[in-house]
Protein backbone atom coordinates (compact mmCIF):
# COMPACT_ATOMS: atom_id res chain seq x y z
CA MET A 1 -69.14 7.96 252.63
CA SER A 2 -67.71 4.60 253.57
CA LYS A 3 -68.74 3.22 256.96
CA MET A 4 -65.29 1.66 257.26
CA LEU A 5 -63.52 5.01 257.61
CA GLU A 6 -64.75 7.58 260.05
CA ASN A 7 -62.32 10.22 258.82
CA GLU A 8 -62.32 9.66 255.07
CA ASP A 9 -61.88 13.37 254.23
CA LEU A 10 -58.63 13.42 256.20
CA LEU A 11 -57.37 10.39 254.29
CA ARG A 12 -58.17 12.10 250.98
CA GLU A 13 -56.17 15.13 252.13
CA ILE A 14 -53.22 12.89 253.03
CA MET A 15 -53.43 11.27 249.58
CA GLU A 16 -52.95 14.69 247.95
CA ARG A 17 -49.77 15.44 249.90
CA ASP A 18 -46.41 14.21 248.68
CA ASP A 19 -44.30 15.98 251.29
CA LEU A 20 -45.13 13.75 254.26
CA SER A 21 -42.75 11.27 255.85
CA TYR A 22 -44.00 8.10 257.53
CA ILE A 23 -42.88 5.70 260.23
CA MET A 24 -44.33 2.19 260.45
CA ASN A 25 -44.98 0.94 263.98
CA PHE A 26 -46.19 -2.44 265.20
CA GLY A 27 -45.60 -3.85 268.63
CA SER A 28 -42.34 -2.34 269.84
CA ARG A 29 -40.79 -2.18 266.34
CA SER A 30 -40.46 0.90 264.10
CA TYR A 31 -39.37 1.24 260.48
CA SER A 32 -38.87 4.26 258.27
CA ILE A 33 -40.97 4.21 255.09
CA ASP A 34 -39.20 5.34 251.92
CA ASN A 35 -42.32 5.74 249.79
CA LEU A 36 -46.04 5.52 250.55
CA TYR A 37 -48.95 5.54 248.11
CA ILE A 38 -52.64 5.47 249.09
CA ALA A 39 -55.53 4.74 246.72
CA LYS A 40 -59.17 3.73 247.00
CA GLY A 41 -59.78 0.44 245.26
CA ILE A 42 -62.23 -2.39 244.85
CA ILE A 43 -61.79 -5.46 246.99
CA PRO A 44 -62.93 -8.81 245.60
CA VAL A 45 -65.72 -9.41 248.12
CA ARG A 46 -69.32 -9.95 247.15
CA LYS A 47 -70.71 -10.41 250.67
CA PRO A 48 -69.47 -9.67 254.22
CA THR A 49 -66.62 -11.98 255.15
CA THR A 50 -64.09 -12.39 257.92
CA ARG A 51 -60.38 -12.57 257.19
CA GLY A 52 -58.06 -12.72 260.15
CA GLY A 53 -60.70 -11.20 262.42
CA VAL A 54 -61.22 -8.13 260.22
CA TYR A 55 -64.68 -7.75 258.69
CA PHE A 56 -64.97 -6.47 255.13
CA THR A 57 -68.51 -5.18 254.65
CA ASP A 58 -67.93 -2.82 251.75
CA THR A 59 -66.69 -3.56 248.23
CA THR A 60 -64.20 -0.69 248.29
CA ALA A 61 -61.32 -0.01 250.63
CA TYR A 62 -58.37 2.31 250.96
CA LYS A 63 -55.19 0.48 250.10
CA VAL A 64 -51.63 1.47 250.95
CA LYS A 65 -48.45 0.50 249.15
CA ALA A 66 -45.44 1.15 251.40
CA THR A 67 -41.84 0.69 250.27
CA LEU A 68 -39.04 0.17 252.81
CA SER A 69 -35.32 -0.25 252.28
CA ASP A 70 -34.87 -1.80 255.76
CA LEU A 71 -34.84 -5.50 254.84
CA SER A 72 -34.98 -6.63 258.49
CA ILE A 73 -38.78 -6.31 258.30
CA LYS A 74 -38.88 -9.56 256.27
CA GLU A 75 -38.55 -11.53 259.52
CA GLU A 76 -41.71 -9.87 260.87
CA ILE A 77 -43.96 -10.39 257.83
CA PRO A 78 -45.34 -13.82 258.83
CA LYS A 79 -46.59 -12.31 262.12
CA LEU A 80 -48.29 -9.44 260.29
CA MET A 81 -49.95 -11.12 257.32
CA LEU A 82 -53.71 -11.59 257.11
CA GLY A 83 -54.81 -15.10 256.30
CA PRO A 84 -52.84 -17.98 257.76
CA ASN A 85 -52.11 -16.06 260.95
CA ALA A 86 -55.28 -15.77 263.07
CA ASP A 87 -53.73 -13.41 265.62
CA PHE A 88 -52.00 -10.71 263.58
CA THR A 89 -50.74 -7.30 264.67
CA PRO A 90 -52.23 -4.05 263.34
CA ILE A 91 -49.69 -1.87 261.57
CA HIS A 92 -49.61 1.84 262.39
CA LEU A 93 -48.40 4.25 259.72
CA VAL A 94 -47.61 7.52 261.51
CA THR A 95 -47.04 10.99 260.05
CA ASN A 96 -47.30 14.60 261.18
CA MET A 97 -49.35 17.19 259.33
CA HIS A 98 -50.35 20.82 259.85
CA ILE A 99 -54.15 21.07 259.75
CA GLY A 100 -56.33 24.06 260.61
CA GLY A 101 -53.58 26.05 262.30
CA SER A 102 -52.22 23.24 264.49
CA ASP A 103 -49.73 20.41 264.23
CA ASN A 104 -51.24 16.93 264.33
CA THR A 105 -50.08 13.34 264.47
CA ILE A 106 -52.02 11.12 262.10
CA THR A 107 -52.00 7.35 262.56
CA ILE A 108 -53.30 5.15 259.78
CA ILE A 109 -54.18 1.76 261.29
CA SER A 110 -53.90 -0.98 258.68
CA HIS A 111 -53.34 -4.67 258.09
CA LEU A 112 -50.90 -6.37 255.75
CA THR A 113 -52.42 -8.27 252.83
CA ASN A 114 -49.41 -8.90 250.62
CA SER A 115 -45.65 -8.35 250.47
CA VAL A 116 -42.97 -8.46 247.80
CA TYR A 117 -39.28 -8.12 248.44
CA THR A 118 -36.09 -7.88 246.46
CA LYS A 119 -32.44 -7.45 247.44
CA GLU A 120 -32.93 -3.69 247.77
CA LYS A 121 -36.45 -3.15 249.14
CA VAL A 122 -39.61 -4.54 250.67
CA GLU A 123 -42.99 -3.53 249.29
CA LEU A 124 -45.98 -3.97 251.60
CA ASN A 125 -49.61 -3.85 250.51
CA LEU A 126 -52.03 -2.95 253.28
CA ILE A 127 -55.72 -2.27 253.79
CA VAL A 128 -56.68 0.75 255.90
CA ASP A 129 -58.95 0.02 258.88
CA ARG A 130 -59.19 3.47 260.41
CA ILE A 131 -57.41 6.77 260.97
CA ASP A 132 -56.65 8.45 264.28
CA LEU A 133 -55.95 12.17 264.51
CA ARG A 134 -54.26 13.69 267.57
CA CYS A 135 -53.54 17.39 267.98
CA LEU A 136 -49.99 18.18 269.18
CA SER A 137 -50.46 21.87 270.02
């Protein structure tokens, strides 16, 4: 089990579900996510490094590809991107899911690594830092 994610089993369960809707939150801003895909992938790191204050100590990470049709997020991307910005904002991807007989809010805390946008949509590539689970009932 990866040391990076405390609740990796929960993330795997989320990956299997295609009926969840997500909201992206950072700071006081919120955006509806049209499509979200999560996969475990290899990151090109051979030794522990720091990138924007986030330590990568494993060679694998959970990656998220989020697609939004709200193009106003383009103005926020420079504040969110890892790399040139030393003080970036974590991005929270929030969904609700029924687990073990109760309703829960799941927050995937991530950081933006790349973005691509067209006239119709914005595609964000993120790395998952951790997952928070909060019971609603």
